[in-house]
Amino acid sequence: MELETFDGVEQVIKRYPTNFSELDLVTGGGLVPGSAVLVGGDPGIGKSTLLTQLAANLANQNKRVLYFSGEEATAQVRLRADRLGVKKAKVELAAETNLEAILATITEGDPPSLCIIDSIQTLWTDTVDAAPGTVTQLRATTHSLIRLAKKSNICIILVGHVTKEGAIAGPKVIEHMVDTVLYFEGERGAQFRILRAQKNRFGPTDEIGVFEMRDNGLNEVINPSEIFLSNRNEKGPGTSVFAGIEGTRPVLVEIQALVAPSPFGTPRRAVIGWDSGRLNMILAVLESRCGIVLGKHDVYLNIAGGMKINEPAADLAAAAALMSAFVNKPLPDEAVFFGEISLSGGIRRVSHTSQRLREAEKLGFSSCYIPANNKQTGDVTIRCQAISHLSEIAKIVS
């Protein structure tokens, strides 16, 4: 074995553009030859639809693409391709679950550029005496496929089932073995899908890709803010608009809140798209620092459009929606909010102020409530209202 040093000639990572700008954004510029990608998501969310369209895109670039289906017959996959309008793409298709047969097919003839395994839980190998989907089989089959990917410079995409908690089923070691882990999120009844990178050795992990599910498959959403706010009720109480940041992209989403007297001894707390622990903290701050007692009220909080927010900067928008719902008065029209709330009720500064303000201005918003120690940049005309304490928002809706 020949050893190399770190001070060798610098090489640029080669990538395969996917013709999905949203997918390229999440992966860091496209698929990397020799890499292993694990894609997870709830059943019916659109994983197979996305990969079918991806396979067709690369095949139309004169690249050899193999698609192994372990859960559907080839006729079913062809029906999906027909519905998506990509049935003429030269994708080599097989319904196979035996690892040895799959490896023999991959190494036969010219090496493919992309190989899709749908799904890894269905594979089994003769060398392991265990049922498909067990920990032993998952480790053995994944290890063999990754070794082939590195040796033959093939990009392999593995589809993984998820548990009730939303994590990829099987041992966590699978996620450590692969180069990239992608999660496909969204409500099955909603039309929007979010693609996130939980791990990426060749790119960022804070970008998201937004897709819209239609009859002809998944379509990219180039301007997510405009889509997420398309059905917004501007004058209704209990709604606010949050100017968030996902990776390098500013995204505006609507936060909806409902506060109602509880008929039971223990009030309900329900939240969709946000951290429930964060909601409980905001409720405690509202009661202790602003005198808004919600201990005998049911509280519901929803991020519209199926979006999931992990940013602390959403605190101010969530609190504003809750206060508006409690007093049954709408917030000021054409206003957006962002800022992190401390336990003292103070509003802490957040980053990327200029990007948030430019996105809000582009969509027609005229005012923005921001932390007092956040500086407004001079290249925007949107009016900014500095907020230093949460009680100042309470005065607005009182």
Protein backbone atom coordinates (compact mmCIF):
# COMPACT_ATOMS: atom_id res chain seq x y z
CA MET A 1 0.00 0.00 0.00
CA GLU A 2 1.37 3.39 -1.02
CA LEU A 3 1.06 6.14 1.57
CA GLU A 4 0.44 9.79 0.72
CA THR A 5 1.05 12.99 2.67
CA PHE A 6 -1.25 15.95 3.28
CA ASP A 7 0.97 18.30 1.29
CA GLY A 8 0.22 16.70 -2.06
CA VAL A 9 -1.27 18.40 -5.09
CA GLU A 10 -4.60 20.05 -4.30
CA GLN A 11 -7.51 18.49 -6.19
CA VAL A 12 -10.94 19.92 -6.89
CA ILE A 13 -13.82 17.62 -5.94
CA LYS A 14 -15.65 16.49 -9.06
CA ARG A 15 -19.43 16.55 -8.85
CA TYR A 16 -22.41 15.45 -10.92
CA PRO A 17 -24.93 18.30 -11.30
CA THR A 18 -28.42 16.87 -10.73
CA ASN A 19 -30.50 19.45 -12.66
CA PHE A 20 -32.23 20.02 -9.31
CA SER A 21 -30.87 23.36 -8.10
CA GLU A 22 -32.43 22.75 -4.66
CA LEU A 23 -30.74 19.34 -4.35
CA ASP A 24 -27.43 20.78 -5.57
CA LEU A 25 -27.74 23.50 -2.92
CA VAL A 26 -28.23 20.96 -0.12
CA THR A 27 -25.44 18.63 -1.25
CA GLY A 28 -22.96 21.44 -1.85
CA GLY A 29 -22.99 21.49 -5.64
CA GLY A 30 -24.07 18.02 -6.77
CA LEU A 31 -23.36 14.34 -6.20
CA VAL A 32 -19.74 13.35 -5.55
CA PRO A 33 -18.38 10.22 -7.34
CA GLY A 34 -17.31 7.57 -4.86
CA SER A 35 -19.64 8.86 -2.14
CA ALA A 36 -22.41 7.09 -0.23
CA VAL A 37 -25.62 9.03 0.45
CA LEU A 38 -28.34 7.92 2.87
CA VAL A 39 -31.83 9.37 2.28
CA GLY A 40 -34.48 9.05 5.00
CA GLY A 41 -38.06 10.18 5.37
CA ASP A 42 -41.55 9.13 6.42
CA PRO A 43 -43.43 6.61 4.25
CA GLY A 44 -45.19 8.29 1.33
CA ILE A 45 -43.28 11.55 1.69
CA GLY A 46 -41.82 11.30 -1.82
CA LYS A 47 -38.38 9.68 -1.47
CA SER A 48 -38.87 7.31 -4.40
CA THR A 49 -40.39 10.12 -6.48
CA LEU A 50 -37.37 12.34 -5.88
CA LEU A 51 -34.89 9.57 -6.68
CA THR A 52 -36.78 8.51 -9.82
CA GLN A 53 -36.60 12.07 -11.13
CA LEU A 54 -32.93 12.31 -10.09
CA ALA A 55 -32.09 9.06 -11.89
CA ALA A 56 -33.79 10.33 -15.05
CA ASN A 57 -31.94 13.67 -14.88
CA LEU A 58 -28.54 11.97 -14.74
CA ALA A 59 -29.47 9.41 -17.40
CA ASN A 60 -30.43 12.28 -19.71
CA GLN A 61 -26.85 13.56 -19.23
CA ASN A 62 -25.60 10.32 -20.86
CA LYS A 63 -24.55 8.82 -17.53
CA ARG A 64 -25.16 5.19 -16.64
CA VAL A 65 -27.69 4.95 -13.81
CA LEU A 66 -28.79 1.77 -12.01
CA TYR A 67 -31.96 1.63 -9.91
CA PHE A 68 -32.50 -1.41 -7.65
CA SER A 69 -35.98 -1.65 -6.12
CA GLY A 70 -36.41 -3.99 -3.18
CA GLU A 71 -39.99 -3.02 -2.32
CA GLU A 72 -41.67 -2.62 -5.72
CA ALA A 73 -41.79 -4.62 -8.92
CA THR A 74 -40.20 -3.13 -12.01
CA ALA A 75 -43.68 -2.59 -13.50
CA GLN A 76 -44.62 -0.39 -10.53
CA VAL A 77 -41.48 1.70 -10.91
CA ARG A 78 -42.20 2.10 -14.63
CA LEU A 79 -45.71 3.31 -13.81
CA ARG A 80 -44.24 5.97 -11.54
CA ALA A 81 -41.77 7.01 -14.22
CA ASP A 82 -44.64 7.26 -16.70
CA ARG A 83 -46.64 9.45 -14.31
CA LEU A 84 -43.59 11.68 -13.78
CA GLY A 85 -42.99 12.00 -17.52
CA VAL A 86 -39.52 10.42 -17.46
CA LYS A 87 -40.26 6.96 -18.86
CA LYS A 88 -37.96 7.56 -21.87
CA ALA A 89 -34.89 8.08 -19.68
CA LYS A 90 -32.37 5.25 -20.08
CA VAL A 91 -32.29 4.13 -16.44
CA GLU A 92 -31.38 0.48 -15.90
CA LEU A 93 -33.97 -0.99 -13.54
CA ALA A 94 -34.08 -4.21 -11.52
CA ALA A 95 -36.15 -5.61 -8.66
CA GLU A 96 -33.52 -7.33 -6.50
CA THR A 97 -32.74 -7.72 -2.81
CA ASN A 98 -29.76 -10.13 -2.86
CA LEU A 99 -26.55 -8.21 -2.28
CA GLU A 100 -24.33 -10.56 -4.26
CA ALA A 101 -26.58 -10.24 -7.33
CA ILE A 102 -26.60 -6.45 -6.99
CA LEU A 103 -22.80 -6.24 -6.69
CA ALA A 104 -22.36 -8.49 -9.73
CA THR A 105 -24.70 -6.29 -11.78
CA ILE A 106 -22.93 -3.08 -10.74
CA THR A 107 -19.47 -4.42 -11.66
CA GLU A 108 -20.69 -5.81 -15.00
CA GLY A 109 -19.76 -3.63 -17.97
CA ASP A 110 -18.89 0.05 -17.65
CA PRO A 111 -19.09 1.33 -14.08
CA PRO A 112 -22.24 3.40 -13.49
CA SER A 113 -22.15 7.00 -12.37
CA LEU A 114 -25.07 6.53 -9.96
CA CYS A 115 -26.58 3.52 -8.22
CA ILE A 116 -29.81 3.80 -6.20
CA ILE A 117 -30.83 1.17 -3.63
CA ASP A 118 -34.48 1.46 -2.54
CA SER A 119 -34.27 0.47 0.25
CA ILE A 120 -31.30 -0.70 2.33
CA GLN A 121 -33.61 -2.47 4.83
CA THR A 122 -34.70 -4.96 2.16
CA LEU A 123 -31.20 -6.21 1.26
CA TRP A 124 -29.66 -9.46 2.46
CA THR A 125 -26.35 -11.24 1.92
CA ASP A 126 -25.50 -14.94 1.87
CA THR A 127 -22.60 -14.37 4.26
CA VAL A 128 -24.90 -13.41 7.16
CA ASP A 129 -27.40 -15.80 8.74
CA ALA A 130 -30.07 -13.24 9.67
CA ALA A 131 -33.29 -11.83 8.30
CA PRO A 132 -33.30 -8.73 6.05
CA GLY A 133 -33.57 -5.52 8.04
CA THR A 134 -31.76 -6.82 11.11
CA VAL A 135 -28.78 -4.97 12.51
CA THR A 136 -26.31 -7.57 11.28
CA GLN A 137 -27.66 -7.54 7.72
CA LEU A 138 -27.78 -3.73 7.61
CA ARG A 139 -24.17 -3.41 8.71
CA ALA A 140 -22.90 -6.06 6.31
CA THR A 141 -24.79 -4.87 3.22
CA THR A 142 -24.04 -1.19 3.83
CA HIS A 143 -20.33 -1.89 4.37
CA SER A 144 -20.07 -3.89 1.13
CA LEU A 145 -21.84 -1.21 -0.91
CA ILE A 146 -19.69 1.59 0.50
CA ARG A 147 -16.49 -0.37 -0.23
CA LEU A 148 -17.63 -0.80 -3.84
CA ALA A 149 -18.50 2.91 -4.11
CA LYS A 150 -15.01 3.96 -2.94
CA LYS A 151 -13.20 1.35 -5.04
CA SER A 152 -15.10 1.96 -8.29
CA ASN A 153 -15.75 5.70 -7.85
CA ILE A 154 -19.53 5.21 -7.98
CA CYS A 155 -22.04 7.40 -6.20
CA ILE A 156 -24.44 5.15 -4.30
CA ILE A 157 -27.72 6.42 -2.80
CA LEU A 158 -29.34 4.30 -0.10
CA VAL A 159 -32.96 4.81 0.96
CA GLY A 160 -33.55 4.23 4.67
CA HIS A 161 -36.76 3.64 6.59
CA VAL A 162 -37.48 5.83 9.60
CA THR A 163 -38.82 5.04 13.06
CA LYS A 164 -41.88 6.60 14.72
CA GLU A 165 -39.57 9.21 16.23
CA GLY A 166 -38.36 10.24 12.76
CA ALA A 167 -34.84 8.75 12.99
CA ILE A 168 -33.48 6.39 10.35
CA ALA A 169 -34.23 2.83 11.40
CA GLY A 170 -31.36 0.49 12.19
CA PRO A 171 -28.05 1.03 13.97
CA LYS A 172 -26.69 4.55 14.15
CA VAL A 173 -23.44 3.19 12.76
CA ILE A 174 -24.98 3.31 9.26
CA GLU A 175 -25.16 7.10 9.43
CA HIS A 176 -21.51 7.19 10.53
CA MET A 177 -20.46 4.97 7.62
CA VAL A 178 -21.98 7.06 4.82
CA ASP A 179 -20.70 10.42 3.59
CA THR A 180 -24.02 12.27 3.47
CA VAL A 181 -27.31 11.90 5.34
CA LEU A 182 -30.36 13.62 3.87
CA TYR A 183 -33.81 13.84 5.47
CA PHE A 184 -36.95 14.46 3.43
CA GLU A 185 -39.52 16.23 5.62
CA GLY A 186 -43.09 17.43 5.32
CA GLU A 187 -46.67 16.56 6.15
CA ARG A 188 -48.20 13.97 3.82
CA GLY A 189 -51.32 16.11 3.41
CA ALA A 190 -49.31 19.26 2.66
CA GLN A 191 -47.86 20.03 -0.75
CA PHE A 192 -44.42 21.20 0.37
CA ARG A 193 -41.38 19.04 1.10
CA ILE A 194 -38.16 20.10 2.80
CA LEU A 195 -34.84 18.37 2.10
CA ARG A 196 -32.22 18.80 4.84
CA ALA A 197 -28.65 17.58 5.19
CA GLN A 198 -27.96 16.16 8.65
CA LYS A 199 -24.42 15.19 7.65
CA ASN A 200 -22.30 16.10 4.64
CA ARG A 201 -18.59 15.46 4.25
CA PHE A 202 -18.50 17.42 0.99
CA GLY A 203 -20.66 20.45 1.76
CA PRO A 204 -22.70 22.42 4.30
CA THR A 205 -25.28 20.95 6.65
CA ASP A 206 -27.39 24.06 7.23
CA GLU A 207 -28.95 24.47 3.78
CA ILE A 208 -32.45 23.32 2.85
CA GLY A 209 -34.11 22.46 -0.43
CA VAL A 210 -37.81 23.21 -0.89
CA PHE A 211 -40.01 21.18 -3.23
CA GLU A 212 -43.69 21.20 -4.09
CA MET A 213 -45.49 17.90 -4.68
CA ARG A 214 -47.72 18.00 -7.76
CA ASP A 215 -49.36 15.47 -10.05
CA ASN A 216 -46.27 15.39 -12.26
CA GLY A 217 -43.89 14.86 -9.34
CA LEU A 218 -41.68 17.14 -7.28
CA ASN A 219 -41.14 20.68 -8.50
CA GLU A 220 -38.51 23.02 -7.13
CA VAL A 221 -39.58 26.08 -5.16
CA ILE A 222 -37.12 28.83 -6.01
CA ASN A 223 -38.72 31.45 -3.74
CA PRO A 224 -39.94 29.63 -0.60
CA SER A 225 -40.94 32.82 1.24
CA GLU A 226 -43.52 33.76 -1.36
CA ILE A 227 -44.99 30.25 -1.31
CA PHE A 228 -45.16 29.95 2.49
CA LEU A 229 -46.95 33.30 2.76
CA SER A 230 -49.31 32.84 -0.21
CA ASN A 231 -52.39 32.07 1.94
CA ARG A 232 -51.59 34.36 4.82
CA ASN A 233 -54.51 36.07 6.58
CA GLU A 234 -52.98 39.47 7.28
CA LYS A 235 -55.72 40.83 9.54
CA GLY A 236 -56.41 37.74 11.61
CA PRO A 237 -55.37 37.65 15.28
CA GLY A 238 -52.78 35.13 16.38
CA THR A 239 -50.58 35.27 13.28
CA SER A 240 -47.12 36.74 12.82
CA VAL A 241 -44.44 36.56 10.13
CA PHE A 242 -40.97 35.39 11.06
CA ALA A 243 -37.94 36.41 9.01
CA GLY A 244 -35.67 33.38 9.36
CA ILE A 245 -32.42 32.11 7.91
CA GLU A 246 -31.92 28.57 6.59
CA GLY A 247 -28.24 28.19 5.73
CA THR A 248 -27.49 31.12 3.42
CA ARG A 249 -31.13 31.60 2.38
CA PRO A 250 -33.58 33.98 4.07
CA VAL A 251 -37.04 32.46 4.46
CA LEU A 252 -40.22 34.17 5.66
CA VAL A 253 -42.84 31.93 7.25
CA GLU A 254 -46.12 32.51 9.04
CA ILE A 255 -46.46 31.50 12.69
CA GLN A 256 -50.02 30.76 13.81
CA ALA A 257 -51.18 30.67 17.42
CA LEU A 258 -54.46 29.84 19.09
CA VAL A 259 -55.20 30.44 22.78
CA ALA A 260 -58.47 29.22 24.26
CA PRO A 261 -59.76 28.60 27.82
CA SER A 262 -59.17 25.00 28.82
CA PRO A 263 -62.20 22.95 29.90
CA PHE A 264 -59.90 20.50 31.68
CA GLY A 265 -57.72 20.77 34.75
CA THR A 266 -54.52 20.38 32.75
CA PRO A 267 -54.34 22.69 29.71
CA ARG A 268 -53.05 21.34 26.41
CA ARG A 269 -49.84 22.47 24.74
CA ALA A 270 -49.59 21.47 21.07
CA VAL A 271 -46.92 22.66 18.66
CA ILE A 272 -46.17 21.73 15.02
CA GLY A 273 -42.92 22.71 13.33
CA TRP A 274 -41.21 24.15 16.42
CA ASP A 275 -39.57 22.91 19.61
CA SER A 276 -42.18 22.22 22.32
CA GLY A 277 -39.63 22.99 25.05
CA ARG A 278 -39.04 26.39 23.49
CA LEU A 279 -42.79 27.05 23.53
CA ASN A 280 -43.01 26.22 27.24
CA MET A 281 -40.13 28.60 27.93
CA ILE A 282 -41.83 31.44 26.05
CA LEU A 283 -45.08 30.83 27.96
CA ALA A 284 -43.21 31.00 31.27
CA VAL A 285 -41.50 34.26 30.28
CA LEU A 286 -44.83 35.77 29.18
CA GLU A 287 -46.35 34.98 32.57
CA SER A 288 -43.39 35.97 34.75
CA ARG A 289 -42.14 39.05 32.88
CA CYS A 290 -45.23 40.37 31.07
CA GLY A 291 -48.10 39.36 33.36
CA ILE A 292 -49.85 37.33 30.64
CA VAL A 293 -51.17 34.27 32.49
CA LEU A 294 -51.85 31.33 30.18
CA GLY A 295 -51.86 28.61 32.84
CA LYS A 296 -55.59 27.95 32.38
CA HIS A 297 -55.60 28.14 28.59
CA ASP A 298 -54.97 25.62 25.84
CA VAL A 299 -52.16 26.81 23.58
CA TYR A 300 -51.64 25.71 19.98
CA LEU A 301 -48.73 26.87 17.81
CA ASN A 302 -48.22 25.98 14.16
CA ILE A 303 -45.60 26.83 11.54
CA ALA A 304 -47.57 27.23 8.32
CA GLY A 305 -46.71 25.27 5.18
CA GLY A 306 -45.13 22.25 6.87
CA MET A 307 -41.92 24.12 7.65
CA LYS A 308 -39.81 23.17 10.67
CA ILE A 309 -37.90 25.92 12.47
CA ASN A 310 -34.90 25.35 14.72
CA GLU A 311 -33.71 28.94 14.98
CA PRO A 312 -33.90 30.77 18.37
CA ALA A 313 -34.57 33.97 16.42
CA ALA A 314 -38.18 32.76 16.01
CA ASP A 315 -38.86 33.47 19.72
CA LEU A 316 -40.09 37.03 19.18
CA ALA A 317 -42.43 36.11 16.32
CA ALA A 318 -43.88 33.19 18.32
CA ALA A 319 -44.41 35.35 21.40
CA ALA A 320 -46.07 38.07 19.33
CA ALA A 321 -48.47 35.53 17.79
CA LEU A 322 -49.32 34.14 21.24
CA MET A 323 -50.03 37.58 22.70
CA SER A 324 -52.14 38.52 19.66
CA ALA A 325 -54.18 35.33 20.03
CA PHE A 326 -54.63 35.86 23.78
CA VAL A 327 -56.10 39.38 23.45
CA ASN A 328 -57.82 38.52 20.14
CA LYS A 329 -56.28 41.49 18.34
CA PRO A 330 -54.21 41.35 15.14
CA LEU A 331 -50.63 42.49 14.97
CA PRO A 332 -49.68 45.49 12.81
CA ASP A 333 -50.17 44.88 9.08
CA GLU A 334 -47.13 44.25 6.90
CA ALA A 335 -44.80 43.65 9.86
CA VAL A 336 -42.22 40.91 10.40
CA PHE A 337 -40.48 39.82 13.61
CA PHE A 338 -37.20 38.21 14.63
CA GLY A 339 -35.23 38.07 17.86
CA GLU A 340 -34.22 35.66 20.62
CA ILE A 341 -35.93 35.97 24.01
CA SER A 342 -33.93 35.55 27.20
CA LEU A 343 -35.36 34.27 30.49
CA SER A 344 -35.42 37.83 31.78
CA GLY A 345 -37.69 38.86 28.93
CA GLY A 346 -34.96 40.77 27.13
CA ILE A 347 -34.58 40.51 23.37
CA ARG A 348 -31.15 39.28 22.34
CA ARG A 349 -29.52 40.13 19.02
CA VAL A 350 -29.37 37.66 16.15
CA SER A 351 -27.18 37.39 13.06
CA HIS A 352 -27.87 38.01 9.35
CA THR A 353 -29.98 41.12 9.95
CA SER A 354 -29.47 42.57 6.47
CA GLN A 355 -30.51 39.36 4.68
CA ARG A 356 -33.70 39.11 6.74
CA LEU A 357 -34.62 42.75 6.11
CA ARG A 358 -33.96 42.56 2.38
CA GLU A 359 -36.16 39.48 2.03
CA ALA A 360 -38.98 41.15 3.96
CA GLU A 361 -38.67 44.31 1.86
CA LYS A 362 -38.67 42.30 -1.36
CA LEU A 363 -42.01 40.69 -0.41
CA GLY A 364 -43.64 44.04 0.35
CA PHE A 365 -43.37 44.28 4.14
CA SER A 366 -43.00 47.84 5.40
CA SER A 367 -41.95 47.38 9.03
CA CYS A 368 -39.91 45.00 11.13
CA TYR A 369 -39.56 44.45 14.89
CA ILE A 370 -35.95 43.60 15.67
CA PRO A 371 -33.71 43.41 18.79
CA ALA A 372 -32.59 46.82 19.99
CA ASN A 373 -28.90 45.95 19.69
CA ASN A 374 -29.25 44.73 16.09
CA LYS A 375 -28.07 47.36 13.65
CA GLN A 376 -30.20 48.21 10.61
CA THR A 377 -28.17 48.29 7.43
CA GLY A 378 -28.39 51.32 5.20
CA ASP A 379 -29.28 49.46 1.99
CA VAL A 380 -32.92 48.80 2.94
CA THR A 381 -35.84 51.19 3.31
CA ILE A 382 -38.01 49.01 5.56
CA ARG A 383 -38.84 50.73 8.85
CA CYS A 384 -37.34 48.97 11.87
CA GLN A 385 -38.78 49.12 15.38
CA ALA A 386 -36.17 48.30 18.01
CA ILE A 387 -37.44 46.04 20.84
CA SER A 388 -35.41 45.63 24.01
CA HIS A 389 -37.96 43.77 26.18
CA LEU A 390 -40.87 41.44 25.47
CA SER A 391 -43.26 43.73 27.36
CA GLU A 392 -42.98 46.23 24.49
CA ILE A 393 -44.72 43.76 22.19
CA ALA A 394 -47.46 43.33 24.81
CA LYS A 395 -48.14 47.09 24.62
CA ILE A 396 -48.57 46.90 20.85
CA VAL A 397 -51.45 44.41 21.02
CA SER A 398 -53.01 45.60 24.28
